[in-house]
Each structure stands twice: as C-alpha cells, then as structure tokens.
Amino acid sequence: MINLLIVEDDKYIQEHFVKLFTADERFHLVGAVRDAFEAERLCNKGIDLVLMDVQTLHRHSGLAAGKRIKESCPNTKVVIMTSLVDPEVLSKAKTGCADGLCYKDHGDDEVMAVIERVLNGERSFPGETPPVELEDILSSEIKPIQLEILRLYIRGMSFGEIGQKLGITGDAARWHIRDMVSRCGFDSKEELMAAAIESKLIVTALKDE
C-alpha cells in the first residue's frame, strides 16, 4: 500500500484527484491539503508519495516545500503536478525539488504514468515545457534569454537592473522586450506582460518561506 498525500489548492481539482486515487487500491490516501507548507508539517517517514501542486494556497511554493520534504524525508517521493508552463518551474523541479513532474492539463493517464515511473525508482520529467500561443507566435519561438528578461521585468526590475544581472546592457534588455512585442504581434509591452501571465508562461510570485 502506497501512503499518499495530495497537495492542491483548487478544490475541484483536489476532489478529482481524491476520487482518482481513492478508487485505486494500490494507494492509501493519508490526506489532501491546499497549502504546500501545511504538507511539510504533515509529512513524515510514513508518507511514500506527495503529489504536489506548484502554486498553492497563499502563493506558497510547492517547489520549495518539495525540496524541504526531500531533504527531511529522503525516501518520500515527490511528484510535481502543475498547469504552469513557465520553463523556470520545470528547471527548478529537476534540481532537488521533486522526483518527477507532470502537467495536469495532459490528463490522468500522464499523471499516473509519471507516478508509476517515479515509484519504480526513476526520475520522470518532460524534456521541455508545452508551448503556448502568444498572439502570432508560440512561446517556444522566444529565446530563453528573452523569457528571462521578460520574467525579471514582470517582477519589477528596471532594464538597467536586468542588464546588470544578465551581463548585458540595459538598452539590450529594452530591445529584447521590444522585439518580443513586435514578433508576438502585440501593441505594447503591457499586452505582452498580460499575455505571458494569463497563459501561465511566467510565474509572477511564489513564496518560498
């Protein structure tokens, strides 16, 4: 029997996964909570698997919670499930935060397949994030450095600060934003920012502590 803890802040989605795993005799559902940090308090050596959302109640980070769970309970498997397609989420998940990651929008079969691989001792991560439409182009057509510039700009950094952080000039950072606006077919950087947030391409704020 696999002792399972589900972490999902959306009540409808949480209810769906509760029904899914309750119906599977391989799993014993220990609990279902909405807050990643609450999951940390509940997690102990008796939990075999944590199914963890990324952005949970109070914007608490499932990635940060997953990393701390892995450190305190090394035998506990953590599978990240998310609808966020921000490449930073996938990248962070691979660096000690989880044993696998799946996208909720891809259906239950994918979720179960990732879980089965992880329980068999494998690490299971997609090779890349799913592309999203940004008006005229797909997010996969945007250069990684441009996505990083956009992420930092959305988080409130000036072009000068972005340039200093990334080792480019402030004017270069500004040019990349203008280039994205033009190639995506938007009229302003505000439209670009809104689309990136709405499509979940950029995560604006996750609380690690």
N, C-alpha and C. Protein backbone atom coordinates (compact mmCIF):
# COMPACT_ATOMS: atom_id res chain seq x y z
N MET A 1 0.84 -1.20 0.00
CA MET A 1 0.00 0.00 0.00
C MET A 1 0.88 1.25 0.00
N ILE A 2 0.58 2.18 -0.87
CA ILE A 2 1.37 3.41 -1.01
C ILE A 2 0.65 4.54 -0.28
N ASN A 3 1.29 5.05 0.76
CA ASN A 3 0.71 6.15 1.53
C ASN A 3 0.90 7.46 0.77
N LEU A 4 -0.22 8.10 0.42
CA LEU A 4 -0.21 9.26 -0.47
C LEU A 4 -0.75 10.50 0.22
N LEU A 5 -0.06 11.63 -0.03
CA LEU A 5 -0.54 12.94 0.40
C LEU A 5 -0.73 13.81 -0.83
N ILE A 6 -1.91 14.39 -0.99
CA ILE A 6 -2.21 15.26 -2.14
C ILE A 6 -2.20 16.71 -1.68
N VAL A 7 -1.51 17.56 -2.45
CA VAL A 7 -1.45 19.00 -2.17
C VAL A 7 -1.97 19.74 -3.39
N GLU A 8 -3.15 20.33 -3.27
CA GLU A 8 -3.80 21.02 -4.39
C GLU A 8 -4.75 22.07 -3.83
N ASP A 9 -4.55 23.34 -4.23
CA ASP A 9 -5.37 24.41 -3.65
C ASP A 9 -6.72 24.57 -4.33
N ASP A 10 -6.85 24.13 -5.57
CA ASP A 10 -8.14 24.20 -6.26
C ASP A 10 -9.03 23.06 -5.76
N LYS A 11 -10.15 23.42 -5.15
CA LYS A 11 -10.99 22.41 -4.50
C LYS A 11 -11.54 21.39 -5.51
N TYR A 12 -11.90 21.86 -6.71
CA TYR A 12 -12.44 20.96 -7.73
C TYR A 12 -11.39 19.95 -8.17
N ILE A 13 -10.18 20.44 -8.44
CA ILE A 13 -9.11 19.55 -8.88
C ILE A 13 -8.70 18.60 -7.75
N GLN A 14 -8.66 19.14 -6.53
CA GLN A 14 -8.33 18.29 -5.39
C GLN A 14 -9.34 17.15 -5.26
N GLU A 15 -10.61 17.47 -5.37
CA GLU A 15 -11.66 16.46 -5.27
C GLU A 15 -11.51 15.40 -6.37
N HIS A 16 -11.14 15.87 -7.56
CA HIS A 16 -10.93 14.92 -8.67
C HIS A 16 -9.83 13.93 -8.35
N PHE A 17 -8.69 14.43 -7.85
CA PHE A 17 -7.58 13.53 -7.56
C PHE A 17 -7.87 12.64 -6.35
N VAL A 18 -8.61 13.16 -5.39
CA VAL A 18 -9.01 12.32 -4.26
C VAL A 18 -9.82 11.12 -4.75
N LYS A 19 -10.79 11.36 -5.63
CA LYS A 19 -11.60 10.27 -6.18
C LYS A 19 -10.75 9.30 -7.01
N LEU A 20 -9.83 9.86 -7.80
CA LEU A 20 -8.98 9.03 -8.65
C LEU A 20 -8.16 8.05 -7.84
N PHE A 21 -7.52 8.54 -6.78
CA PHE A 21 -6.61 7.68 -6.02
C PHE A 21 -7.33 6.85 -4.97
N THR A 22 -8.46 7.32 -4.50
CA THR A 22 -9.26 6.51 -3.57
C THR A 22 -9.77 5.25 -4.27
N ALA A 23 -10.05 5.39 -5.56
CA ALA A 23 -10.57 4.26 -6.34
C ALA A 23 -9.47 3.26 -6.72
N ASP A 24 -8.21 3.64 -6.53
CA ASP A 24 -7.09 2.77 -6.89
C ASP A 24 -6.59 2.08 -5.62
N GLU A 25 -6.76 0.78 -5.55
CA GLU A 25 -6.47 0.03 -4.33
C GLU A 25 -4.99 0.00 -3.98
N ARG A 26 -4.14 0.45 -4.87
CA ARG A 26 -2.71 0.50 -4.56
C ARG A 26 -2.37 1.61 -3.59
N PHE A 27 -3.28 2.62 -3.49
CA PHE A 27 -2.97 3.82 -2.72
C PHE A 27 -3.82 3.91 -1.45
N HIS A 28 -3.19 4.43 -0.40
CA HIS A 28 -3.90 4.80 0.82
C HIS A 28 -3.77 6.31 0.98
N LEU A 29 -4.88 7.02 0.84
CA LEU A 29 -4.86 8.48 0.91
C LEU A 29 -4.76 8.92 2.37
N VAL A 30 -3.60 9.43 2.74
CA VAL A 30 -3.37 9.90 4.10
C VAL A 30 -4.04 11.24 4.33
N GLY A 31 -4.05 12.09 3.29
CA GLY A 31 -4.67 13.39 3.44
C GLY A 31 -4.64 14.17 2.14
N ALA A 32 -5.46 15.23 2.09
CA ALA A 32 -5.48 16.15 0.95
C ALA A 32 -5.55 17.56 1.51
N VAL A 33 -4.55 18.38 1.24
CA VAL A 33 -4.46 19.73 1.78
C VAL A 33 -4.28 20.73 0.66
N ARG A 34 -4.51 22.01 0.96
CA ARG A 34 -4.44 23.05 -0.05
C ARG A 34 -3.14 23.85 0.02
N ASP A 35 -2.38 23.71 1.11
CA ASP A 35 -1.20 24.54 1.35
C ASP A 35 0.05 23.67 1.38
N ALA A 36 1.02 24.01 0.54
CA ALA A 36 2.26 23.23 0.48
C ALA A 36 3.00 23.22 1.80
N PHE A 37 2.97 24.35 2.52
CA PHE A 37 3.69 24.41 3.78
C PHE A 37 3.00 23.56 4.84
N GLU A 38 1.68 23.44 4.77
CA GLU A 38 0.97 22.54 5.66
C GLU A 38 1.38 21.09 5.38
N ALA A 39 1.58 20.79 4.12
CA ALA A 39 2.01 19.44 3.74
C ALA A 39 3.34 19.09 4.38
N GLU A 40 4.23 20.05 4.49
CA GLU A 40 5.51 19.81 5.15
C GLU A 40 5.32 19.36 6.58
N ARG A 41 4.39 20.01 7.28
CA ARG A 41 4.15 19.66 8.67
C ARG A 41 3.55 18.27 8.82
N LEU A 42 2.77 17.85 7.82
CA LEU A 42 2.14 16.54 7.87
C LEU A 42 3.06 15.43 7.40
N CYS A 43 4.06 15.81 6.63
CA CYS A 43 4.90 14.80 6.01
C CYS A 43 5.84 14.17 7.03
N ASN A 44 5.95 12.86 6.97
CA ASN A 44 6.84 12.13 7.85
C ASN A 44 7.33 10.89 7.12
N LYS A 45 8.05 10.05 7.82
CA LYS A 45 8.64 8.88 7.18
C LYS A 45 7.58 7.88 6.72
N GLY A 46 6.35 8.05 7.17
CA GLY A 46 5.29 7.14 6.76
C GLY A 46 4.65 7.50 5.44
N ILE A 47 4.98 8.67 4.89
CA ILE A 47 4.42 9.11 3.60
C ILE A 47 5.34 8.61 2.49
N ASP A 48 4.77 7.84 1.57
CA ASP A 48 5.56 7.31 0.47
C ASP A 48 5.62 8.26 -0.72
N LEU A 49 4.51 8.98 -0.95
CA LEU A 49 4.41 9.82 -2.15
C LEU A 49 3.63 11.09 -1.84
N VAL A 50 4.18 12.22 -2.29
CA VAL A 50 3.47 13.50 -2.21
C VAL A 50 3.20 13.96 -3.63
N LEU A 51 1.93 14.17 -3.93
CA LEU A 51 1.53 14.74 -5.22
C LEU A 51 1.33 16.23 -4.99
N MET A 52 2.24 17.05 -5.51
CA MET A 52 2.38 18.45 -5.09
C MET A 52 2.10 19.45 -6.21
N ASP A 53 1.16 20.34 -5.98
CA ASP A 53 0.93 21.46 -6.88
C ASP A 53 2.07 22.47 -6.71
N VAL A 54 2.27 23.34 -7.69
CA VAL A 54 3.36 24.32 -7.61
C VAL A 54 2.93 25.57 -6.87
N GLN A 55 1.82 26.15 -7.29
CA GLN A 55 1.34 27.39 -6.66
C GLN A 55 0.14 27.04 -5.79
N THR A 56 0.35 26.98 -4.48
CA THR A 56 -0.68 26.52 -3.57
C THR A 56 -1.28 27.70 -2.80
N LEU A 57 -2.07 27.38 -1.80
CA LEU A 57 -2.74 28.42 -1.02
C LEU A 57 -1.73 29.44 -0.49
N HIS A 58 -2.14 30.71 -0.48
CA HIS A 58 -1.29 31.83 -0.03
C HIS A 58 -0.05 32.01 -0.92
N ARG A 59 -0.10 31.47 -2.16
CA ARG A 59 1.03 31.51 -3.10
C ARG A 59 2.26 30.79 -2.55
N HIS A 60 2.07 29.88 -1.63
CA HIS A 60 3.19 29.10 -1.11
C HIS A 60 3.70 28.15 -2.19
N SER A 61 5.00 28.07 -2.31
CA SER A 61 5.64 27.33 -3.39
C SER A 61 5.71 25.84 -3.10
N GLY A 62 5.11 25.04 -3.97
CA GLY A 62 5.24 23.60 -3.87
C GLY A 62 6.64 23.13 -4.19
N LEU A 63 7.37 23.91 -4.98
CA LEU A 63 8.76 23.56 -5.29
C LEU A 63 9.63 23.67 -4.04
N ALA A 64 9.48 24.77 -3.32
CA ALA A 64 10.26 24.96 -2.09
C ALA A 64 9.90 23.92 -1.05
N ALA A 65 8.59 23.66 -0.91
CA ALA A 65 8.14 22.65 0.05
C ALA A 65 8.64 21.27 -0.34
N GLY A 66 8.59 20.97 -1.64
CA GLY A 66 9.07 19.68 -2.12
C GLY A 66 10.54 19.47 -1.81
N LYS A 67 11.33 20.50 -1.98
CA LYS A 67 12.77 20.41 -1.72
C LYS A 67 13.02 20.11 -0.24
N ARG A 68 12.28 20.80 0.64
CA ARG A 68 12.47 20.58 2.07
C ARG A 68 11.98 19.19 2.49
N ILE A 69 10.90 18.72 1.86
CA ILE A 69 10.42 17.36 2.15
C ILE A 69 11.46 16.34 1.72
N LYS A 70 12.05 16.52 0.54
CA LYS A 70 13.07 15.60 0.05
C LYS A 70 14.28 15.57 1.00
N GLU A 71 14.59 16.71 1.57
CA GLU A 71 15.75 16.80 2.47
C GLU A 71 15.46 16.13 3.80
N SER A 72 14.26 16.33 4.33
CA SER A 72 13.92 15.78 5.65
C SER A 72 13.45 14.33 5.60
N CYS A 73 12.88 13.93 4.47
CA CYS A 73 12.38 12.56 4.30
C CYS A 73 12.88 12.02 2.96
N PRO A 74 14.14 11.60 2.88
CA PRO A 74 14.74 11.21 1.60
C PRO A 74 14.02 10.07 0.88
N ASN A 75 13.32 9.25 1.62
CA ASN A 75 12.64 8.12 0.98
C ASN A 75 11.26 8.47 0.45
N THR A 76 10.80 9.67 0.75
CA THR A 76 9.50 10.12 0.25
C THR A 76 9.65 10.62 -1.18
N LYS A 77 8.83 10.12 -2.08
CA LYS A 77 8.84 10.58 -3.46
C LYS A 77 7.93 11.80 -3.61
N VAL A 78 8.37 12.77 -4.40
CA VAL A 78 7.58 13.97 -4.66
C VAL A 78 7.37 14.10 -6.16
N VAL A 79 6.10 14.15 -6.56
CA VAL A 79 5.76 14.39 -7.96
C VAL A 79 5.05 15.73 -8.06
N ILE A 80 5.63 16.63 -8.82
CA ILE A 80 5.03 17.94 -9.04
C ILE A 80 3.97 17.82 -10.13
N MET A 81 2.78 18.36 -9.85
CA MET A 81 1.75 18.46 -10.89
C MET A 81 1.39 19.93 -11.03
N THR A 82 1.32 20.40 -12.26
CA THR A 82 1.13 21.83 -12.46
C THR A 82 0.47 22.13 -13.79
N SER A 83 -0.14 23.29 -13.86
CA SER A 83 -0.63 23.81 -15.14
C SER A 83 0.24 24.98 -15.60
N LEU A 84 1.28 25.31 -14.82
CA LEU A 84 2.19 26.40 -15.14
C LEU A 84 3.22 25.93 -16.16
N VAL A 85 3.32 26.64 -17.27
CA VAL A 85 4.26 26.23 -18.32
C VAL A 85 5.53 27.09 -18.32
N ASP A 86 5.74 27.83 -17.26
CA ASP A 86 6.97 28.61 -17.11
C ASP A 86 8.16 27.64 -17.10
N PRO A 87 9.12 27.78 -18.03
CA PRO A 87 10.28 26.89 -18.05
C PRO A 87 11.06 26.87 -16.74
N GLU A 88 10.99 27.97 -15.98
CA GLU A 88 11.69 28.03 -14.70
C GLU A 88 11.14 26.99 -13.73
N VAL A 89 9.84 26.71 -13.81
CA VAL A 89 9.23 25.71 -12.93
C VAL A 89 9.83 24.34 -13.19
N LEU A 90 9.90 23.94 -14.45
CA LEU A 90 10.49 22.66 -14.81
C LEU A 90 11.95 22.59 -14.41
N SER A 91 12.69 23.65 -14.66
CA SER A 91 14.10 23.68 -14.33
C SER A 91 14.33 23.52 -12.83
N LYS A 92 13.56 24.24 -12.02
CA LYS A 92 13.72 24.15 -10.56
C LYS A 92 13.29 22.78 -10.04
N ALA A 93 12.23 22.22 -10.62
CA ALA A 93 11.74 20.91 -10.17
C ALA A 93 12.83 19.85 -10.29
N LYS A 94 13.67 19.97 -11.31
CA LYS A 94 14.72 18.98 -11.55
C LYS A 94 15.88 19.08 -10.57
N THR A 95 15.98 20.21 -9.86
CA THR A 95 17.15 20.46 -9.02
C THR A 95 16.86 20.16 -7.55
N GLY A 96 16.44 18.95 -7.26
CA GLY A 96 16.25 18.53 -5.88
C GLY A 96 14.90 18.80 -5.28
N CYS A 97 13.97 19.35 -6.08
CA CYS A 97 12.64 19.67 -5.55
C CYS A 97 11.66 18.52 -5.72
N ALA A 98 11.93 17.61 -6.64
CA ALA A 98 10.97 16.56 -6.96
C ALA A 98 11.65 15.40 -7.67
N ASP A 99 10.91 14.31 -7.76
CA ASP A 99 11.37 13.14 -8.50
C ASP A 99 10.75 13.07 -9.89
N GLY A 100 9.69 13.87 -10.10
CA GLY A 100 9.03 13.89 -11.39
C GLY A 100 8.09 15.07 -11.50
N LEU A 101 7.65 15.35 -12.72
CA LEU A 101 6.73 16.46 -12.96
C LEU A 101 5.79 16.08 -14.09
N CYS A 102 4.52 16.45 -13.92
CA CYS A 102 3.53 16.23 -14.98
C CYS A 102 2.61 17.45 -15.07
N TYR A 103 2.01 17.61 -16.22
CA TYR A 103 1.10 18.73 -16.45
C TYR A 103 -0.34 18.25 -16.30
N LYS A 104 -1.07 18.91 -15.40
CA LYS A 104 -2.44 18.50 -15.09
C LYS A 104 -3.33 18.52 -16.33
N ASP A 105 -3.08 19.46 -17.23
CA ASP A 105 -3.92 19.60 -18.41
C ASP A 105 -3.76 18.42 -19.38
N HIS A 106 -2.75 17.60 -19.18
CA HIS A 106 -2.49 16.49 -20.10
C HIS A 106 -3.26 15.23 -19.74
N GLY A 107 -4.00 15.26 -18.64
CA GLY A 107 -4.90 14.15 -18.31
C GLY A 107 -4.36 13.18 -17.27
N ASP A 108 -5.28 12.36 -16.77
CA ASP A 108 -4.96 11.43 -15.69
C ASP A 108 -3.96 10.36 -16.11
N ASP A 109 -4.01 9.93 -17.35
CA ASP A 109 -3.10 8.87 -17.80
C ASP A 109 -1.65 9.31 -17.68
N GLU A 110 -1.37 10.56 -18.03
CA GLU A 110 0.01 11.04 -17.91
C GLU A 110 0.41 11.15 -16.45
N VAL A 111 -0.49 11.66 -15.62
CA VAL A 111 -0.20 11.77 -14.19
C VAL A 111 0.16 10.39 -13.63
N MET A 112 -0.64 9.38 -13.94
CA MET A 112 -0.40 8.04 -13.42
C MET A 112 0.88 7.44 -13.98
N ALA A 113 1.17 7.72 -15.25
CA ALA A 113 2.39 7.19 -15.86
C ALA A 113 3.63 7.75 -15.17
N VAL A 114 3.62 9.05 -14.89
CA VAL A 114 4.76 9.67 -14.20
C VAL A 114 4.90 9.09 -12.80
N ILE A 115 3.79 8.95 -12.09
CA ILE A 115 3.82 8.40 -10.74
C ILE A 115 4.38 6.99 -10.74
N GLU A 116 3.96 6.17 -11.66
CA GLU A 116 4.44 4.78 -11.73
C GLU A 116 5.93 4.73 -11.99
N ARG A 117 6.42 5.59 -12.88
CA ARG A 117 7.87 5.61 -13.14
C ARG A 117 8.64 6.04 -11.90
N VAL A 118 8.13 7.04 -11.22
CA VAL A 118 8.81 7.53 -10.00
C VAL A 118 8.81 6.46 -8.91
N LEU A 119 7.69 5.79 -8.72
CA LEU A 119 7.61 4.74 -7.70
C LEU A 119 8.51 3.56 -8.05
N ASN A 120 8.85 3.41 -9.32
CA ASN A 120 9.78 2.36 -9.76
C ASN A 120 11.24 2.80 -9.66
N GLY A 121 11.46 3.99 -9.08
CA GLY A 121 12.82 4.45 -8.85
C GLY A 121 13.40 5.34 -9.92
N GLU A 122 12.59 5.71 -10.90
CA GLU A 122 13.06 6.57 -11.98
C GLU A 122 12.79 8.05 -11.66
N ARG A 123 13.54 8.91 -12.33
CA ARG A 123 13.19 10.34 -12.36
C ARG A 123 12.42 10.57 -13.66
N SER A 124 11.31 11.29 -13.57
CA SER A 124 10.44 11.42 -14.74
C SER A 124 10.05 12.88 -14.96
N PHE A 125 10.73 13.50 -15.93
CA PHE A 125 10.46 14.89 -16.26
C PHE A 125 10.31 15.03 -17.77
N PRO A 126 9.40 15.91 -18.22
CA PRO A 126 9.32 16.17 -19.66
C PRO A 126 10.58 16.85 -20.16
N GLY A 127 10.88 16.64 -21.43
CA GLY A 127 12.08 17.26 -22.00
C GLY A 127 11.98 18.76 -22.11
N GLU A 128 10.76 19.25 -22.30
CA GLU A 128 10.54 20.69 -22.42
C GLU A 128 9.12 21.03 -21.99
N THR A 129 8.88 22.29 -21.79
CA THR A 129 7.54 22.73 -21.40
C THR A 129 6.64 22.84 -22.62
N PRO A 130 5.33 22.63 -22.44
CA PRO A 130 4.41 22.76 -23.57
C PRO A 130 4.38 24.21 -24.07
N PRO A 131 4.41 24.43 -25.37
CA PRO A 131 4.33 25.81 -25.89
C PRO A 131 2.93 26.37 -25.75
N VAL A 132 2.85 27.68 -25.59
CA VAL A 132 1.55 28.36 -25.56
C VAL A 132 1.53 29.44 -26.63
N GLU A 133 0.35 29.78 -27.09
CA GLU A 133 0.21 30.80 -28.12
C GLU A 133 0.30 32.20 -27.52
N LEU A 134 1.12 33.02 -28.14
CA LEU A 134 1.22 34.43 -27.76
C LEU A 134 0.89 35.26 -29.00
N GLU A 135 -0.38 35.35 -29.31
CA GLU A 135 -0.89 36.08 -30.47
C GLU A 135 -0.37 35.45 -31.77
N ASP A 136 0.76 35.93 -32.30
CA ASP A 136 1.21 35.49 -33.62
C ASP A 136 2.22 34.35 -33.61
N ILE A 137 2.84 34.07 -32.46
CA ILE A 137 3.86 33.03 -32.39
C ILE A 137 3.65 32.16 -31.15
N LEU A 138 4.39 31.05 -31.11
CA LEU A 138 4.36 30.18 -29.94
C LEU A 138 5.49 30.58 -28.99
N SER A 139 5.29 30.30 -27.72
CA SER A 139 6.31 30.64 -26.72
C SER A 139 7.63 29.93 -27.01
N SER A 140 7.59 28.77 -27.66
CA SER A 140 8.81 28.03 -27.99
C SER A 140 9.68 28.77 -29.00
N GLU A 141 9.13 29.77 -29.68
CA GLU A 141 9.88 30.55 -30.65
C GLU A 141 10.60 31.73 -30.00
N ILE A 142 10.40 31.92 -28.72
CA ILE A 142 11.06 33.01 -28.00
C ILE A 142 12.35 32.48 -27.38
N LYS A 143 13.43 33.23 -27.52
CA LYS A 143 14.72 32.81 -26.99
C LYS A 143 14.69 32.73 -25.46
N PRO A 144 15.40 31.76 -24.88
CA PRO A 144 15.44 31.63 -23.41
C PRO A 144 15.85 32.92 -22.71
N ILE A 145 16.83 33.65 -23.26
CA ILE A 145 17.25 34.89 -22.61
C ILE A 145 16.13 35.92 -22.64
N GLN A 146 15.31 35.91 -23.69
CA GLN A 146 14.19 36.85 -23.75
C GLN A 146 13.13 36.51 -22.72
N LEU A 147 12.86 35.23 -22.52
CA LEU A 147 11.91 34.83 -21.49
C LEU A 147 12.41 35.25 -20.11
N GLU A 148 13.72 35.11 -19.89
CA GLU A 148 14.28 35.50 -18.60
C GLU A 148 14.18 37.02 -18.41
N ILE A 149 14.45 37.79 -19.46
CA ILE A 149 14.31 39.25 -19.39
C ILE A 149 12.86 39.62 -19.09
N LEU A 150 11.93 38.97 -19.77
CA LEU A 150 10.51 39.24 -19.54
C LEU A 150 10.11 38.88 -18.12
N ARG A 151 10.60 37.75 -17.62
CA ARG A 151 10.30 37.32 -16.24
C ARG A 151 10.77 38.37 -15.23
N LEU A 152 12.01 38.84 -15.41
CA LEU A 152 12.58 39.82 -14.48
C LEU A 152 11.85 41.16 -14.58
N TYR A 153 11.46 41.53 -15.79
CA TYR A 153 10.75 42.80 -15.99
C TYR A 153 9.37 42.74 -15.33
N ILE A 154 8.69 41.62 -15.50
CA ILE A 154 7.37 41.45 -14.87
C ILE A 154 7.50 41.49 -13.36
N ARG A 155 8.61 41.01 -12.84
CA ARG A 155 8.82 41.01 -11.39
C ARG A 155 9.31 42.34 -10.85
N GLY A 156 9.40 43.35 -11.73
CA GLY A 156 9.63 44.71 -11.25
C GLY A 156 11.03 45.25 -11.40
N MET A 157 11.92 44.54 -12.05
CA MET A 157 13.27 45.05 -12.23
C MET A 157 13.32 46.03 -13.39
N SER A 158 14.17 47.05 -13.26
CA SER A 158 14.36 48.00 -14.35
C SER A 158 15.24 47.38 -15.42
N PHE A 159 15.28 48.01 -16.61
CA PHE A 159 16.13 47.49 -17.68
C PHE A 159 17.60 47.49 -17.26
N GLY A 160 18.00 48.52 -16.54
CA GLY A 160 19.38 48.58 -16.06
C GLY A 160 19.70 47.44 -15.10
N GLU A 161 18.78 47.16 -14.19
CA GLU A 161 18.98 46.07 -13.22
C GLU A 161 18.99 44.71 -13.93
N ILE A 162 18.12 44.56 -14.92
CA ILE A 162 18.09 43.31 -15.68
C ILE A 162 19.41 43.11 -16.42
N GLY A 163 19.88 44.18 -17.06
CA GLY A 163 21.14 44.11 -17.78
C GLY A 163 22.30 43.73 -16.88
N GLN A 164 22.34 44.34 -15.70
CA GLN A 164 23.42 44.04 -14.76
C GLN A 164 23.36 42.58 -14.31
N LYS A 165 22.16 42.08 -14.08
CA LYS A 165 22.01 40.70 -13.62
C LYS A 165 22.40 39.70 -14.70
N LEU A 166 22.08 40.01 -15.95
CA LEU A 166 22.30 39.06 -17.04
C LEU A 166 23.58 39.31 -17.82
N GLY A 167 24.30 40.36 -17.47
CA GLY A 167 25.56 40.63 -18.16
C GLY A 167 25.39 41.25 -19.53
N ILE A 168 24.31 42.02 -19.70
CA ILE A 168 24.08 42.75 -20.95
C ILE A 168 23.80 44.20 -20.59
N THR A 169 23.65 45.04 -21.59
CA THR A 169 23.34 46.44 -21.30
C THR A 169 21.83 46.60 -21.06
N GLY A 170 21.48 47.68 -20.40
CA GLY A 170 20.07 47.99 -20.21
C GLY A 170 19.36 48.21 -21.53
N ASP A 171 20.05 48.83 -22.48
CA ASP A 171 19.46 49.05 -23.81
C ASP A 171 19.19 47.72 -24.51
N ALA A 172 20.08 46.75 -24.32
CA ALA A 172 19.86 45.43 -24.92
C ALA A 172 18.63 44.76 -24.32
N ALA A 173 18.46 44.90 -23.00
CA ALA A 173 17.28 44.33 -22.34
C ALA A 173 16.01 44.97 -22.89
N ARG A 174 16.06 46.29 -23.06
CA ARG A 174 14.90 47.02 -23.61
C ARG A 174 14.61 46.55 -25.04
N TRP A 175 15.67 46.34 -25.83
CA TRP A 175 15.48 45.89 -27.22
C TRP A 175 14.80 44.52 -27.26
N HIS A 176 15.21 43.62 -26.38
CA HIS A 176 14.61 42.28 -26.37
C HIS A 176 13.11 42.35 -26.06
N ILE A 177 12.72 43.22 -25.15
CA ILE A 177 11.29 43.38 -24.85
C ILE A 177 10.56 43.89 -26.09
N ARG A 178 11.12 44.90 -26.75
CA ARG A 178 10.50 45.44 -27.96
C ARG A 178 10.42 44.38 -29.05
N ASP A 179 11.46 43.57 -29.16
CA ASP A 179 11.47 42.51 -30.17
C ASP A 179 10.36 41.50 -29.92
N MET A 180 10.16 41.14 -28.65
CA MET A 180 9.09 40.20 -28.31
C MET A 180 7.72 40.79 -28.61
N VAL A 181 7.54 42.07 -28.27
CA VAL A 181 6.27 42.74 -28.55
C VAL A 181 5.97 42.69 -30.04
N SER A 182 6.98 43.00 -30.85
CA SER A 182 6.81 43.03 -32.30
C SER A 182 6.54 41.65 -32.88
N ARG A 183 7.35 40.67 -32.51
CA ARG A 183 7.22 39.33 -33.07
C ARG A 183 5.92 38.65 -32.64
N CYS A 184 5.48 38.93 -31.42
CA CYS A 184 4.23 38.32 -30.93
C CYS A 184 3.00 39.00 -31.53
N GLY A 185 3.16 40.22 -32.04
CA GLY A 185 2.04 40.92 -32.63
C GLY A 185 1.24 41.75 -31.65
N PHE A 186 1.86 42.15 -30.54
CA PHE A 186 1.18 42.99 -29.56
C PHE A 186 1.45 44.46 -29.87
N ASP A 187 0.65 45.32 -29.27
CA ASP A 187 0.81 46.76 -29.47
C ASP A 187 1.67 47.41 -28.40
N SER A 188 1.89 46.72 -27.30
CA SER A 188 2.65 47.32 -26.20
C SER A 188 3.26 46.23 -25.33
N LYS A 189 4.24 46.63 -24.53
CA LYS A 189 4.84 45.67 -23.60
C LYS A 189 3.85 45.26 -22.52
N GLU A 190 2.89 46.13 -22.22
CA GLU A 190 1.87 45.78 -21.23
C GLU A 190 1.01 44.61 -21.72
N GLU A 191 0.69 44.60 -23.02
CA GLU A 191 -0.07 43.48 -23.59
C GLU A 191 0.75 42.19 -23.54
N LEU A 192 2.04 42.31 -23.84
CA LEU A 192 2.93 41.15 -23.78
C LEU A 192 2.97 40.59 -22.36
N MET A 193 3.13 41.45 -21.38
CA MET A 193 3.20 41.01 -19.99
C MET A 193 1.91 40.34 -19.56
N ALA A 194 0.78 40.94 -19.92
CA ALA A 194 -0.51 40.39 -19.54
C ALA A 194 -0.72 39.00 -20.14
N ALA A 195 -0.32 38.85 -21.42
CA ALA A 195 -0.48 37.56 -22.09
C ALA A 195 0.42 36.50 -21.47
N ALA A 196 1.63 36.87 -21.11
CA ALA A 196 2.56 35.91 -20.50
C ALA A 196 2.06 35.42 -19.16
N ILE A 197 1.46 36.33 -18.39
CA ILE A 197 0.91 35.94 -17.08
C ILE A 197 -0.35 35.11 -17.24
N GLU A 198 -1.24 35.55 -18.13
CA GLU A 198 -2.52 34.85 -18.31
C GLU A 198 -2.31 33.43 -18.86
N SER A 199 -1.33 33.25 -19.72
CA SER A 199 -1.06 31.93 -20.31
C SER A 199 -0.26 31.04 -19.37
N LYS A 200 0.15 31.57 -18.23
CA LYS A 200 0.96 30.85 -17.23
C LYS A 200 2.36 30.56 -17.73
N LEU A 201 2.79 31.36 -18.70
CA LEU A 201 4.16 31.23 -19.19
C LEU A 201 5.16 31.80 -18.19
N ILE A 202 4.73 32.80 -17.45
CA ILE A 202 5.57 33.42 -16.44
C ILE A 202 4.86 33.35 -15.09
N VAL A 203 5.53 32.83 -14.08
CA VAL A 203 5.01 32.81 -12.72
C VAL A 203 5.47 34.08 -12.03
N THR A 204 4.53 34.86 -11.54
CA THR A 204 4.89 36.17 -11.00
C THR A 204 5.47 36.11 -9.61
N ALA A 205 4.91 35.27 -8.73
CA ALA A 205 5.41 35.28 -7.34
C ALA A 205 5.04 33.98 -6.63
N LEU A 206 6.06 33.30 -6.13
CA LEU A 206 5.87 32.14 -5.28
C LEU A 206 6.63 32.38 -3.99
N LYS A 207 6.00 32.13 -2.87
CA LYS A 207 6.64 32.35 -1.58
C LYS A 207 7.36 31.09 -1.14
N ASP A 208 8.68 31.19 -0.99
CA ASP A 208 9.48 30.04 -0.62
C ASP A 208 9.50 29.79 0.88
N GLU A 209 9.25 30.82 1.65
CA GLU A 209 9.31 30.69 3.12
C GLU A 209 8.00 31.13 3.75
